[in-house]
N, C-alpha and C. Protein backbone atom coordinates (compact mmCIF):
# COMPACT_ATOMS: atom_id res chain seq x y z
N MET A 1 185.30 37.27 162.43
CA MET A 1 184.19 36.20 161.69
C MET A 1 183.72 36.83 160.43
N ILE A 2 183.05 36.15 159.53
CA ILE A 2 182.60 36.87 158.42
C ILE A 2 181.42 36.46 157.78
N LYS A 3 181.04 37.46 157.68
CA LYS A 3 179.53 37.06 157.53
C LYS A 3 178.94 37.68 155.69
N ARG A 4 178.42 37.24 155.35
CA ARG A 4 177.83 37.79 153.93
C ARG A 4 177.15 38.97 154.22
N ARG A 5 177.08 39.53 153.05
CA ARG A 5 176.45 41.11 152.94
C ARG A 5 174.82 40.94 153.13
N ASN A 6 174.29 39.89 152.47
CA ASN A 6 173.10 39.77 152.75
C ASN A 6 172.41 39.59 154.04
N ALA A 7 173.33 38.84 154.84
CA ALA A 7 172.81 38.42 156.17
C ALA A 7 172.37 39.73 156.68
N PHE A 8 173.13 40.96 156.59
CA PHE A 8 173.00 42.34 157.16
C PHE A 8 171.65 42.69 156.43
N LYS A 9 171.14 42.31 155.20
CA LYS A 9 169.86 42.45 154.64
C LYS A 9 168.98 41.64 155.49
N ARG A 10 169.07 41.10 156.33
CA ARG A 10 168.44 40.19 157.08
C ARG A 10 167.54 38.89 156.19
N LYS A 11 168.25 38.70 155.21
CA LYS A 11 167.85 37.31 154.17
C LYS A 11 168.23 36.00 154.93
N LYS A 12 167.64 34.95 155.03
CA LYS A 12 167.99 33.84 155.59
C LYS A 12 168.89 33.36 155.05
N LYS A 13 170.29 33.83 155.14
CA LYS A 13 171.19 33.03 154.43
C LYS A 13 172.12 32.62 155.82
N THR A 14 172.88 31.47 155.68
CA THR A 14 173.71 31.22 156.66
C THR A 14 175.12 32.19 156.45
N PRO A 15 175.11 32.66 157.94
CA PRO A 15 176.36 33.43 157.98
C PRO A 15 177.65 32.42 157.90
N VAL A 16 179.05 33.19 157.50
CA VAL A 16 180.30 32.42 157.41
C VAL A 16 180.90 32.93 158.27
N VAL A 17 182.25 32.32 158.56
CA VAL A 17 183.40 32.42 160.01
C VAL A 17 184.49 32.29 159.17
N CYS A 18 185.18 33.12 159.12
CA CYS A 18 186.59 32.93 159.12
C CYS A 18 187.38 33.51 160.08
N PHE A 19 188.52 32.27 160.87
CA PHE A 19 189.10 33.02 161.77
C PHE A 19 190.69 33.27 161.52
N GLU A 20 191.28 34.14 162.01
CA GLU A 20 192.48 34.77 161.76
C GLU A 20 192.96 35.14 162.88
N ARG A 21 194.25 34.94 163.29
CA ARG A 21 195.16 35.41 164.30
C ARG A 21 196.15 36.26 163.57
N ALA A 22 195.96 37.52 164.35
CA ALA A 22 196.80 38.35 163.67
C ALA A 22 197.64 39.23 165.09
N THR A 23 198.33 40.50 164.23
CA THR A 23 199.21 40.80 165.50
C THR A 23 198.36 42.25 165.68
N THR A 24 199.04 43.31 164.59
CA THR A 24 197.91 44.21 164.86
C THR A 24 196.79 44.35 164.08
N LEU A 25 195.77 43.73 164.46
CA LEU A 25 194.50 43.43 163.98
C LEU A 25 194.07 44.55 162.80
N GLU A 26 193.61 45.98 163.43
CA GLU A 26 193.22 46.74 162.22
C GLU A 26 193.91 46.80 161.36
N ALA A 27 195.46 46.75 161.43
CA ALA A 27 196.15 46.94 160.16
C ALA A 27 196.31 45.92 159.02
N SER A 28 195.87 44.78 160.02
CA SER A 28 196.44 43.64 158.89
C SER A 28 195.31 43.05 158.02
N HIS A 29 195.56 42.46 157.04
CA HIS A 29 194.54 41.88 156.09
C HIS A 29 194.91 40.68 155.74
N GLY A 30 194.02 39.74 155.25
CA GLY A 30 194.66 38.49 154.63
C GLY A 30 195.01 38.39 153.28
N LEU A 31 195.49 37.11 152.84
CA LEU A 31 195.75 37.12 151.42
C LEU A 31 194.56 37.19 150.57
N SER A 32 193.59 37.04 150.74
CA SER A 32 192.37 36.87 149.74
C SER A 32 191.33 37.86 150.40
N TRP A 33 191.33 38.64 151.42
CA TRP A 33 190.33 39.24 151.91
C TRP A 33 191.21 40.65 152.34
N VAL A 34 190.10 41.68 152.36
CA VAL A 34 190.96 43.10 153.37
C VAL A 34 190.04 43.09 154.36
N ARG A 35 189.86 44.03 155.28
CA ARG A 35 189.11 44.33 156.40
C ARG A 35 188.44 45.88 156.02
N VAL A 36 187.35 46.02 156.11
CA VAL A 36 186.75 47.22 155.82
C VAL A 36 186.33 48.11 157.01
N CYS A 37 185.94 47.23 158.10
CA CYS A 37 185.55 48.31 159.47
C CYS A 37 185.21 47.17 160.48
N LEU A 38 184.95 47.68 161.75
CA LEU A 38 184.83 46.91 163.08
C LEU A 38 183.52 46.87 163.16
N LEU A 39 183.37 45.61 163.61
CA LEU A 39 181.91 45.40 163.69
C LEU A 39 181.60 45.00 165.54
N GLY A 40 182.76 44.82 165.94
CA GLY A 40 182.25 44.65 167.28
C GLY A 40 183.40 44.04 168.23
N LYS A 41 183.59 44.36 169.54
CA LYS A 41 184.87 43.46 170.14
C LYS A 41 184.55 43.07 171.56
N GLY A 42 185.28 42.05 171.93
CA GLY A 42 184.70 41.20 172.93
C GLY A 42 186.20 40.98 173.73
N GLY A 43 185.88 40.46 174.98
CA GLY A 43 187.07 39.89 175.53
C GLY A 43 188.01 38.88 174.58
N PHE A 44 187.72 38.03 174.02
CA PHE A 44 188.29 36.83 173.42
C PHE A 44 188.66 37.23 171.92
N GLY A 45 188.14 38.49 171.60
CA GLY A 45 188.98 38.95 169.92
C GLY A 45 188.15 40.08 169.26
N SER A 46 188.34 40.46 168.30
CA SER A 46 187.36 41.45 167.51
C SER A 46 186.98 40.77 166.20
N VAL A 47 185.71 41.31 166.02
CA VAL A 47 185.11 40.87 164.50
C VAL A 47 184.75 41.90 163.71
N PHE A 48 185.56 41.93 162.44
CA PHE A 48 185.50 42.82 161.45
C PHE A 48 184.82 42.60 160.34
N TYR A 49 183.99 43.36 159.34
CA TYR A 49 183.36 43.31 158.37
C TYR A 49 184.53 43.38 157.16
N ALA A 50 184.69 42.14 156.13
CA ALA A 50 185.52 42.15 155.34
C ALA A 50 185.08 41.96 154.04
N LYS A 51 185.76 42.39 153.08
CA LYS A 51 185.83 41.85 151.65
C LYS A 51 186.85 41.31 150.65
N THR A 52 186.49 40.05 150.00
CA THR A 52 187.46 39.32 149.53
C THR A 52 188.31 40.16 148.29
N ARG A 53 189.52 40.25 147.76
CA ARG A 53 190.14 40.73 147.19
C ARG A 53 189.73 40.72 145.86
N THR A 54 189.22 41.68 144.74
CA THR A 54 188.84 41.36 143.47
C THR A 54 190.09 41.22 142.37
N THR A 55 191.30 41.76 142.70
CA THR A 55 192.46 41.68 141.97
C THR A 55 193.37 40.71 141.84
N ILE A 56 193.23 39.63 142.70
CA ILE A 56 193.90 38.81 142.82
C ILE A 56 192.94 37.30 143.56
N ASN A 57 193.55 36.17 143.56
CA ASN A 57 193.31 35.18 144.30
C ASN A 57 191.46 34.91 143.68
N GLN A 58 191.42 34.92 142.52
CA GLN A 58 189.81 35.03 141.66
C GLN A 58 189.26 33.63 142.24
N GLY A 59 190.11 32.50 142.29
CA GLY A 59 189.66 31.33 142.83
C GLY A 59 189.09 31.03 144.30
N THR A 60 189.21 32.28 145.08
CA THR A 60 189.10 31.87 146.33
C THR A 60 187.91 31.15 146.49
N HIS A 61 187.99 30.37 147.65
CA HIS A 61 186.30 29.76 148.13
C HIS A 61 185.65 30.56 148.79
N LEU A 62 186.09 31.72 149.38
CA LEU A 62 185.25 32.57 150.48
C LEU A 62 184.25 33.55 149.17
N PRO A 63 183.38 33.76 150.26
CA PRO A 63 181.92 34.90 149.59
C PRO A 63 182.77 35.89 149.27
N SER A 64 181.95 36.63 148.97
CA SER A 64 182.78 38.11 148.44
C SER A 64 182.74 39.35 149.77
N GLN A 65 181.78 38.99 150.76
CA GLN A 65 181.70 39.68 151.96
C GLN A 65 181.57 38.71 153.08
N LEU A 66 182.45 38.86 154.38
CA LEU A 66 182.40 38.16 155.41
C LEU A 66 182.84 39.01 156.50
N ALA A 67 182.62 38.25 157.61
CA ALA A 67 183.33 38.61 158.82
C ALA A 67 184.28 38.15 159.25
N VAL A 68 185.46 38.45 159.69
CA VAL A 68 186.50 37.86 160.33
C VAL A 68 186.64 38.33 161.65
N LYS A 69 186.94 37.20 162.35
CA LYS A 69 187.34 37.42 164.06
C LYS A 69 188.91 37.19 164.07
N SER A 70 189.02 37.75 164.78
CA SER A 70 190.34 37.90 165.04
C SER A 70 190.87 38.03 166.49
N ALA A 71 192.40 37.65 166.73
CA ALA A 71 192.92 37.83 168.12
C ALA A 71 194.53 37.75 167.94
N ILE A 72 195.08 38.16 168.99
CA ILE A 72 196.06 38.28 168.83
C ILE A 72 197.04 36.89 169.16
N MET A 73 198.00 36.53 168.48
CA MET A 73 198.31 35.33 168.39
C MET A 73 198.58 34.55 170.04
N ASP A 74 199.19 35.31 170.87
CA ASP A 74 199.38 34.50 172.21
C ASP A 74 198.05 34.77 173.03
N GLN A 75 196.85 35.69 172.54
CA GLN A 75 195.47 35.55 173.40
C GLN A 75 194.33 34.32 172.33
N SER A 76 195.33 33.70 171.79
CA SER A 76 193.88 33.12 170.68
C SER A 76 193.52 31.64 170.89
N SER A 77 193.69 31.44 172.07
CA SER A 77 193.46 30.14 172.19
C SER A 77 192.08 29.45 172.43
N SER A 78 191.42 30.43 172.53
CA SER A 78 189.69 30.45 172.93
C SER A 78 189.17 30.62 171.49
N LEU A 79 189.85 31.24 170.45
CA LEU A 79 189.57 31.28 169.13
C LEU A 79 189.88 30.18 168.47
N GLN A 80 191.00 29.60 168.93
CA GLN A 80 191.35 28.06 168.22
C GLN A 80 190.21 27.30 168.61
N HIS A 81 189.44 27.29 169.75
CA HIS A 81 188.81 26.19 170.25
C HIS A 81 187.56 26.57 169.67
N GLU A 82 187.28 27.50 169.56
CA GLU A 82 185.93 27.82 168.50
C GLU A 82 185.75 27.49 167.62
N LYS A 83 187.28 27.57 166.61
CA LYS A 83 187.35 26.73 164.89
C LYS A 83 187.03 25.35 165.28
N GLN A 84 187.72 24.87 166.26
CA GLN A 84 187.41 23.37 166.29
C GLN A 84 186.05 22.40 166.56
N VAL A 85 185.28 23.64 167.27
CA VAL A 85 184.13 23.10 167.36
C VAL A 85 183.38 23.56 166.08
N LEU A 86 183.36 24.38 165.24
CA LEU A 86 182.92 24.72 164.33
C LEU A 86 182.89 24.00 163.28
N CYS A 87 184.07 23.62 163.42
CA CYS A 87 184.46 22.50 162.06
C CYS A 87 183.77 21.06 162.15
N ASP A 88 183.35 20.68 163.30
CA ASP A 88 182.72 19.99 163.82
C ASP A 88 180.99 19.98 163.58
N LEU A 89 180.58 21.52 163.06
CA LEU A 89 179.07 21.72 162.90
C LEU A 89 179.18 22.51 161.83
N THR A 90 179.23 21.40 160.47
CA THR A 90 179.37 21.85 159.58
C THR A 90 178.02 21.74 158.54
N SER A 91 177.03 21.04 159.00
CA SER A 91 175.86 20.56 158.11
C SER A 91 174.56 21.10 158.29
N SER A 92 174.54 22.12 159.12
CA SER A 92 173.38 22.82 159.93
C SER A 92 173.51 24.50 159.00
N PRO A 93 172.12 24.66 158.39
CA PRO A 93 171.89 26.09 157.67
C PRO A 93 171.75 27.19 158.85
N TYR A 94 171.72 26.72 159.73
CA TYR A 94 171.33 27.60 161.07
C TYR A 94 172.87 27.69 161.84
N VAL A 95 173.78 27.33 161.62
CA VAL A 95 175.15 27.62 162.46
C VAL A 95 176.23 28.22 161.13
N VAL A 96 176.99 29.22 161.93
CA VAL A 96 178.03 30.16 161.04
C VAL A 96 178.80 28.77 160.29
N ARG A 97 179.44 29.19 159.09
CA ARG A 97 180.24 28.27 158.54
C ARG A 97 181.81 28.57 158.87
N CYS A 98 182.57 28.12 159.29
CA CYS A 98 184.12 28.39 159.49
C CYS A 98 184.56 28.07 158.13
N TYR A 99 185.34 28.86 157.48
CA TYR A 99 186.61 28.65 156.51
C TYR A 99 187.73 28.35 156.63
N GLY A 100 188.07 28.32 158.05
CA GLY A 100 189.60 28.03 158.47
C GLY A 100 190.36 29.29 159.03
N ASP A 101 191.15 29.03 159.42
CA ASP A 101 192.25 30.22 159.96
C ASP A 101 193.30 30.71 159.18
N GLU A 102 193.96 31.57 159.06
CA GLU A 102 195.07 32.25 158.66
C GLU A 102 196.11 33.08 159.51
N VAL A 103 197.36 32.31 159.59
CA VAL A 103 198.51 33.10 160.20
C VAL A 103 199.65 33.31 159.17
N THR A 104 200.19 34.52 159.01
CA THR A 104 200.99 34.60 158.26
C THR A 104 202.64 34.79 158.77
N LEU A 105 203.50 34.40 158.29
CA LEU A 105 204.83 34.21 158.71
C LEU A 105 205.03 35.78 159.12
N GLU A 106 204.78 36.66 158.06
CA GLU A 106 205.26 37.85 158.35
C GLU A 106 204.75 38.55 159.51
N ARG A 107 203.41 38.09 159.80
CA ARG A 107 202.72 38.57 161.32
C ARG A 107 203.47 37.81 162.77
N GLN A 108 204.06 36.82 162.70
CA GLN A 108 204.70 36.52 163.55
C GLN A 108 206.14 36.86 163.44
N ILE A 109 206.73 37.32 162.47
CA ILE A 109 207.63 38.47 162.38
C ILE A 109 207.54 39.51 163.33
N ARG A 110 206.53 40.11 163.24
CA ARG A 110 206.19 41.38 163.55
C ARG A 110 206.12 41.41 164.93
N LEU A 111 205.19 40.09 165.64
CA LEU A 111 204.86 40.24 166.89
C LEU A 111 206.16 39.70 167.94
N SER A 112 207.32 39.30 167.08
CA SER A 112 208.23 38.89 167.66
C SER A 112 209.32 40.22 168.08
N GLY A 113 209.50 41.16 167.22
CA GLY A 113 209.93 42.43 167.25
C GLY A 113 211.28 42.37 167.13
N PHE A 114 212.03 41.20 167.43
CA PHE A 114 213.12 41.03 167.06
C PHE A 114 213.70 39.78 166.54
N GLY A 115 212.84 39.19 165.99
CA GLY A 115 213.27 37.97 165.14
C GLY A 115 212.77 36.57 165.87
N LEU A 116 212.59 35.61 165.00
CA LEU A 116 212.12 34.48 165.72
C LEU A 116 213.28 33.63 166.43
N ALA A 117 212.68 32.77 166.96
CA ALA A 117 213.71 31.68 167.51
C ALA A 117 214.38 30.80 166.43
N ASP A 118 215.91 30.42 166.76
CA ASP A 118 216.47 29.86 165.87
C ASP A 118 215.73 28.51 165.58
N SER A 119 215.09 28.09 166.39
CA SER A 119 214.59 26.61 166.10
C SER A 119 213.12 26.67 165.32
N ASP A 120 212.40 27.97 165.33
CA ASP A 120 211.39 28.04 164.51
C ASP A 120 211.95 28.64 163.06
N VAL A 121 213.21 29.29 163.05
CA VAL A 121 213.55 29.54 161.57
C VAL A 121 213.92 28.31 161.05
N LYS A 122 214.78 27.72 161.52
CA LYS A 122 215.13 26.11 160.89
C LYS A 122 214.11 25.26 160.47
N TYR A 123 213.02 25.24 161.04
CA TYR A 123 211.73 24.42 160.65
C TYR A 123 210.86 25.15 159.51
N TYR A 124 210.63 26.78 159.42
CA TYR A 124 210.01 27.25 158.59
C TYR A 124 211.14 27.30 157.55
N SER A 125 212.45 27.56 157.68
CA SER A 125 213.03 27.54 156.51
C SER A 125 212.94 26.17 155.42
N ARG A 126 212.95 25.08 156.13
CA ARG A 126 212.95 23.95 155.73
C ARG A 126 211.82 23.44 155.05
N ASP A 127 210.56 23.74 155.80
CA ASP A 127 209.40 23.89 154.99
C ASP A 127 209.28 24.62 153.86
N VAL A 128 209.53 25.81 153.44
CA VAL A 128 209.76 26.81 152.58
C VAL A 128 210.62 26.15 151.40
N LEU A 129 211.64 25.50 151.82
CA LEU A 129 212.59 24.75 150.69
C LEU A 129 211.96 23.84 150.06
N GLN A 130 211.11 23.12 150.97
CA GLN A 130 210.56 21.63 150.52
C GLN A 130 209.53 22.03 149.40
N GLY A 131 208.74 23.40 149.71
CA GLY A 131 207.67 23.80 148.96
C GLY A 131 208.29 24.32 147.59
N LEU A 132 209.25 24.72 147.63
CA LEU A 132 210.37 25.58 146.58
C LEU A 132 210.31 24.37 145.72
N LYS A 133 211.04 23.45 146.26
CA LYS A 133 211.25 22.22 145.33
C LYS A 133 210.34 21.89 144.94
N TYR A 134 209.43 21.51 145.52
CA TYR A 134 208.30 21.05 144.56
C TYR A 134 207.73 21.85 143.40
N ILE A 135 207.35 23.13 144.01
CA ILE A 135 206.94 23.73 142.53
C ILE A 135 208.02 23.77 141.64
N HIS A 136 209.27 24.17 141.60
CA HIS A 136 210.04 24.22 140.58
C HIS A 136 210.36 22.73 139.95
N CYS A 137 210.47 21.76 140.64
CA CYS A 137 210.56 20.44 140.04
C CYS A 137 209.26 20.42 138.98
N ARG A 138 207.86 21.02 139.10
CA ARG A 138 206.91 20.81 138.63
C ARG A 138 206.95 22.29 137.24
N GLY A 139 208.42 22.88 137.57
CA GLY A 139 208.25 23.92 136.31
C GLY A 139 207.77 25.18 136.54
N TYR A 140 207.43 25.52 137.58
CA TYR A 140 206.50 26.82 137.97
C TYR A 140 207.72 28.07 139.03
N ILE A 141 207.57 28.74 138.90
CA ILE A 141 208.37 29.81 139.65
C ILE A 141 207.22 30.79 140.61
N HIS A 142 207.68 31.05 141.86
CA HIS A 142 206.43 31.38 142.40
C HIS A 142 206.48 33.03 142.26
N CYS A 143 207.89 33.89 142.08
CA CYS A 143 207.85 35.11 141.69
C CYS A 143 207.67 36.35 142.93
N ASP A 144 207.08 35.78 144.21
CA ASP A 144 206.57 36.69 145.27
C ASP A 144 206.83 35.94 146.34
N ILE A 145 208.17 35.33 146.66
CA ILE A 145 208.51 34.92 147.65
C ILE A 145 208.68 36.17 148.99
N LYS A 146 207.77 36.01 150.01
CA LYS A 146 208.17 36.67 151.27
C LYS A 146 207.40 36.02 152.17
N PRO A 147 207.40 36.81 153.55
CA PRO A 147 207.20 36.45 154.81
C PRO A 147 205.46 36.25 154.59
N ASP A 148 205.08 37.76 154.02
CA ASP A 148 203.54 37.78 154.08
C ASP A 148 202.91 36.67 152.96
N ASN A 149 203.60 36.04 152.39
CA ASN A 149 203.00 34.79 151.29
C ASN A 149 203.55 33.59 151.73
N ILE A 150 203.89 33.42 153.30
CA ILE A 150 204.00 32.16 153.35
C ILE A 150 202.82 31.94 154.47
N LEU A 151 202.25 31.31 154.72
CA LEU A 151 201.35 30.92 155.67
C LEU A 151 201.51 29.66 156.63
N LEU A 152 201.32 30.27 158.02
CA LEU A 152 201.38 29.03 159.33
C LEU A 152 200.40 28.48 159.78
N VAL A 153 200.24 26.77 159.42
CA VAL A 153 199.32 26.12 159.72
C VAL A 153 199.64 25.32 160.90
N PRO A 154 198.46 24.86 161.76
CA PRO A 154 199.24 24.16 162.80
C PRO A 154 199.64 22.74 162.45
N GLY A 155 200.66 22.34 163.06
CA GLY A 155 201.52 21.25 162.90
C GLY A 155 200.56 19.87 163.04
N SER A 156 201.22 18.72 162.95
CA SER A 156 200.67 17.46 163.52
C SER A 156 201.69 16.72 163.67
N GLY A 157 201.96 15.17 164.67
CA GLY A 157 202.92 14.36 164.72
C GLY A 157 204.17 14.96 165.14
N GLU A 158 205.15 15.09 164.66
CA GLU A 158 206.35 15.61 165.42
C GLU A 158 206.34 16.94 165.27
N ARG A 159 205.17 17.62 164.48
CA ARG A 159 205.38 18.84 164.83
C ARG A 159 203.85 19.48 165.44
N LYS A 160 203.73 18.61 166.31
CA LYS A 160 202.10 19.18 166.84
C LYS A 160 202.45 20.23 167.88
N GLY A 161 201.87 21.24 168.03
CA GLY A 161 202.19 21.87 169.28
C GLY A 161 202.94 23.43 168.22
N THR A 162 203.44 23.20 167.21
CA THR A 162 204.27 24.13 166.79
C THR A 162 203.41 24.60 164.71
N PHE A 163 204.09 25.26 164.21
CA PHE A 163 203.12 25.41 162.78
C PHE A 163 203.87 25.14 161.94
N VAL A 164 203.55 24.64 160.87
CA VAL A 164 204.42 24.40 159.58
C VAL A 164 203.64 25.42 158.65
N ALA A 165 204.91 25.99 157.65
CA ALA A 165 205.20 27.09 156.90
C ALA A 165 204.77 26.40 155.53
N LYS A 166 203.71 27.32 154.63
CA LYS A 166 203.35 26.51 153.43
C LYS A 166 203.35 28.11 152.67
N LEU A 167 203.50 27.83 151.37
CA LEU A 167 203.89 28.78 150.13
C LEU A 167 202.10 29.29 150.11
N ALA A 168 202.14 30.39 149.54
CA ALA A 168 200.72 30.75 149.33
C ALA A 168 200.70 31.90 148.02
N ASP A 169 199.75 32.39 147.76
CA ASP A 169 199.64 33.59 146.55
C ASP A 169 200.39 33.29 145.61
N PHE A 170 200.05 32.49 144.51
CA PHE A 170 200.49 32.22 143.53
C PHE A 170 200.07 32.91 142.20
N GLY A 171 199.69 34.14 142.55
CA GLY A 171 198.97 35.33 141.69
C GLY A 171 200.11 35.38 140.53
N LEU A 172 201.36 35.77 140.86
CA LEU A 172 202.33 36.25 139.88
C LEU A 172 203.08 35.26 139.55
N ALA A 173 202.96 34.10 139.82
CA ALA A 173 203.35 32.69 139.56
C ALA A 173 203.56 32.46 137.90
N LYS A 174 204.54 31.99 137.42
CA LYS A 174 204.88 31.70 136.12
C LYS A 174 205.80 30.62 135.78
N ALA A 175 204.94 29.78 134.69
CA ALA A 175 205.92 28.52 134.20
C ALA A 175 207.44 28.95 133.55
N VAL A 176 208.12 28.23 134.08
CA VAL A 176 209.54 28.47 133.90
C VAL A 176 209.84 28.58 131.98
N ASP A 177 208.89 28.20 131.06
CA ASP A 177 209.31 28.63 129.98
C ASP A 177 208.20 29.89 129.08
N GLU A 178 207.41 30.16 130.04
CA GLU A 178 206.63 31.16 129.94
C GLU A 178 207.45 32.42 129.45
N GLU A 179 207.18 33.07 128.42
CA GLU A 179 207.64 34.55 128.43
C GLU A 179 207.11 35.57 129.30
N CYS A 180 207.97 36.34 129.65
CA CYS A 180 207.62 37.33 130.86
C CYS A 180 208.92 38.52 130.85
N HIS A 181 208.58 39.71 130.54
CA HIS A 181 209.12 41.06 130.22
C HIS A 181 209.02 41.83 131.03
N ASP A 182 208.47 41.79 132.26
CA ASP A 182 208.15 42.48 133.18
C ASP A 182 208.73 42.21 134.45
N MET A 183 208.58 43.47 135.36
CA MET A 183 209.16 42.55 136.90
C MET A 183 208.06 42.22 137.67
N ARG A 184 208.26 41.24 138.27
CA ARG A 184 207.21 40.48 139.21
C ARG A 184 207.67 40.18 140.42
N GLY A 185 206.82 40.50 141.50
CA GLY A 185 207.40 40.43 142.86
C GLY A 185 207.27 41.90 143.85
N THR A 186 207.82 41.48 145.32
CA THR A 186 207.97 42.82 145.51
C THR A 186 209.22 43.42 145.81
N THR A 187 209.42 44.59 145.65
CA THR A 187 210.67 45.26 145.50
C THR A 187 212.03 45.01 146.50
N ARG A 188 211.79 44.63 147.67
CA ARG A 188 212.69 44.54 148.89
C ARG A 188 213.12 43.17 148.96
N TYR A 189 212.45 42.03 147.85
CA TYR A 189 212.72 40.79 147.78
C TYR A 189 212.93 40.52 146.65
N MET A 190 213.07 41.62 145.34
CA MET A 190 213.69 40.90 144.16
C MET A 190 214.94 41.07 143.79
N SER A 191 215.73 39.95 142.71
CA SER A 191 217.05 39.89 142.84
C SER A 191 217.89 40.51 142.06
N PRO A 192 218.94 40.82 142.25
CA PRO A 192 219.96 41.46 141.04
C PRO A 192 219.45 41.20 140.13
N GLU A 193 219.77 40.38 139.25
CA GLU A 193 219.49 40.12 137.91
C GLU A 193 217.86 40.46 137.51
N LEU A 194 217.01 40.27 138.75
CA LEU A 194 215.46 40.94 138.15
C LEU A 194 215.54 42.04 137.96
N VAL A 195 215.82 42.88 138.66
CA VAL A 195 215.74 44.30 138.94
C VAL A 195 216.90 44.68 137.44
N ARG A 196 218.12 44.53 137.51
CA ARG A 196 218.90 44.90 136.56
C ARG A 196 218.44 44.45 135.01
N GLU A 197 218.21 43.30 135.08
CA GLU A 197 217.93 42.59 133.67
C GLU A 197 216.38 41.83 133.58
N LYS A 198 215.58 42.14 134.49
CA LYS A 198 214.39 42.02 133.94
C LYS A 198 214.43 39.98 133.89
N LYS A 199 215.17 39.51 134.60
CA LYS A 199 215.41 37.78 134.24
C LYS A 199 215.10 37.14 135.53
N ILE A 200 213.55 36.20 135.18
CA ILE A 200 213.20 35.51 136.22
C ILE A 200 213.40 33.94 136.13
N GLY A 201 213.83 33.54 137.09
CA GLY A 201 214.00 32.06 136.89
C GLY A 201 214.00 31.45 138.42
N TYR A 202 214.60 30.07 138.52
CA TYR A 202 214.49 29.69 139.90
C TYR A 202 215.34 30.26 140.88
N ALA A 203 216.23 31.10 140.56
CA ALA A 203 217.14 31.62 141.46
C ALA A 203 216.42 33.12 142.14
N THR A 204 215.10 33.49 141.01
CA THR A 204 214.46 34.43 141.82
C THR A 204 213.88 34.10 143.03
N ASP A 205 213.20 33.25 143.25
CA ASP A 205 212.37 32.54 144.50
C ASP A 205 213.44 32.15 145.55
N ILE A 206 214.87 31.73 145.19
CA ILE A 206 215.84 31.38 146.20
C ILE A 206 216.67 32.57 146.83
N TRP A 207 216.71 33.52 145.76
CA TRP A 207 217.09 35.02 146.38
C TRP A 207 216.20 35.46 147.44
N ALA A 208 214.78 35.67 147.00
CA ALA A 208 213.52 36.11 148.29
C ALA A 208 213.35 35.39 149.19
N PHE A 209 213.68 33.99 149.04
CA PHE A 209 214.13 33.34 150.21
C PHE A 209 214.83 33.37 151.09
N GLY A 210 216.17 33.73 150.74
CA GLY A 210 217.32 34.50 151.79
C GLY A 210 216.85 35.53 152.31
N CYS A 211 216.11 36.42 151.92
CA CYS A 211 215.59 37.80 152.20
C CYS A 211 214.77 37.36 153.63
N ALA A 212 213.97 36.37 153.42
CA ALA A 212 213.01 36.18 154.08
C ALA A 212 213.29 35.31 155.32
N VAL A 213 214.70 34.79 155.15
CA VAL A 213 215.49 34.10 156.20
C VAL A 213 216.01 35.04 157.18
N LEU A 214 216.81 36.04 156.22
CA LEU A 214 217.34 37.04 157.11
C LEU A 214 216.37 38.21 158.21
N GLU A 215 215.13 38.09 157.58
CA GLU A 215 214.12 38.92 158.05
C GLU A 215 213.69 38.18 159.35
N MET A 216 213.38 36.28 159.22
CA MET A 216 213.02 35.95 160.32
C MET A 216 214.25 36.24 161.48
N LEU A 217 215.49 35.99 160.90
CA LEU A 217 216.35 36.12 162.04
C LEU A 217 216.45 37.24 163.10
N THR A 218 216.18 38.30 162.23
CA THR A 218 216.89 39.66 162.79
C THR A 218 215.10 40.32 163.19
N GLY A 219 214.28 40.15 162.33
CA GLY A 219 212.73 40.98 162.73
C GLY A 219 212.90 42.18 161.86
N LYS A 220 214.20 42.25 161.06
CA LYS A 220 213.75 43.52 159.90
C LYS A 220 213.98 42.91 158.54
N PRO A 221 213.65 43.77 157.82
CA PRO A 221 213.71 43.72 156.09
C PRO A 221 215.08 43.41 155.57
N ALA A 222 215.77 42.34 154.71
CA ALA A 222 216.80 42.80 154.32
C ALA A 222 217.45 44.01 154.16
N TRP A 223 216.23 44.20 153.33
CA TRP A 223 216.47 45.46 152.46
C TRP A 223 215.36 46.68 153.05
N GLU A 224 215.56 47.88 153.18
CA GLU A 224 214.63 48.66 153.43
C GLU A 224 214.20 49.60 152.40
N TYR A 225 214.69 49.30 151.25
CA TYR A 225 214.18 50.17 150.32
C TYR A 225 212.93 49.61 149.81
N SER A 226 211.91 50.48 149.26
CA SER A 226 210.23 49.89 148.67
C SER A 226 210.60 50.54 147.19
N GLU A 227 211.61 51.17 146.65
CA GLU A 227 211.39 51.57 145.08
C GLU A 227 212.62 50.63 144.60
N VAL A 228 212.21 50.47 143.33
CA VAL A 228 213.32 49.90 142.43
C VAL A 228 214.73 50.56 142.26
N GLU A 229 214.54 51.86 142.22
CA GLU A 229 215.47 52.74 141.49
C GLU A 229 216.82 52.51 143.17
N ASP A 230 216.02 52.79 144.27
CA ASP A 230 216.77 52.94 145.44
C ASP A 230 217.65 51.60 145.59
N LEU A 231 217.04 50.51 145.44
CA LEU A 231 217.43 49.13 145.82
C LEU A 231 218.87 49.15 144.25
N LEU A 232 218.50 49.74 143.58
CA LEU A 232 219.28 49.21 142.30
C LEU A 232 220.64 49.99 142.78
N CYS A 233 220.51 51.65 142.95
CA CYS A 233 221.66 52.53 143.59
C CYS A 233 222.38 51.86 144.55
N ASN A 234 221.49 51.29 145.56
CA ASN A 234 222.33 50.57 146.75
C ASN A 234 223.30 49.58 145.82
N TRP A 235 222.87 48.63 145.41
CA TRP A 235 223.75 47.66 144.87
C TRP A 235 225.06 47.97 143.91
N ILE A 236 224.57 49.06 143.17
CA ILE A 236 225.84 49.49 142.17
C ILE A 236 226.75 50.38 143.22
N TYR A 237 226.34 51.34 144.26
CA TYR A 237 227.60 51.72 145.03
C TYR A 237 228.14 50.88 146.31
N ARG A 238 227.64 49.67 146.60
CA ARG A 238 228.26 48.76 147.80
C ARG A 238 229.41 48.22 147.06
């Protein structure tokens, strides 16, 4: 749950809540916020004091200081129910406000330990490709496709009871005709032409998508290297 800092000062402000279903709670952060400290722990989840990130997602709808209520995915039924109730109680200044929930593909992979079910990989891959097709047709390149930047939201209709993968974190995105002379993205998901020649194109996203699919299947990154030099040397000598 996320509360404004002025709530701690006992000012009459409405506290706000953002539910997040994580895996390693203390070590995980959101796309637009980071945990600061544990406020309390109960039978159905833990509450953390958090702050929104200042270097990315400047347009976030979240307040600068929050309280995040978290639970392990397979223990989050109570949290999901609480979110549904609060979403129906949005007009009172005396009830905490729910800003939504957040689950990333990266956390699902970590929770699995050995990779996701083939059916999940198929659905998530299709979702990501549909998202990439859309942004590419609009003339944009994401530049940082990876499991941590793919949100999983509850599905509906034919996908009810499962999750739908959605692209998030467009902080490094660029227009296809925009000049760019630096490397963008996360090292282990960078394409060879990006690392060697600093070329960024639609293929940059496709390469990163392929790395993400392999990670979904195996539970491990396609490349263990976190430094550009190590990644480049591995490509040269293979």
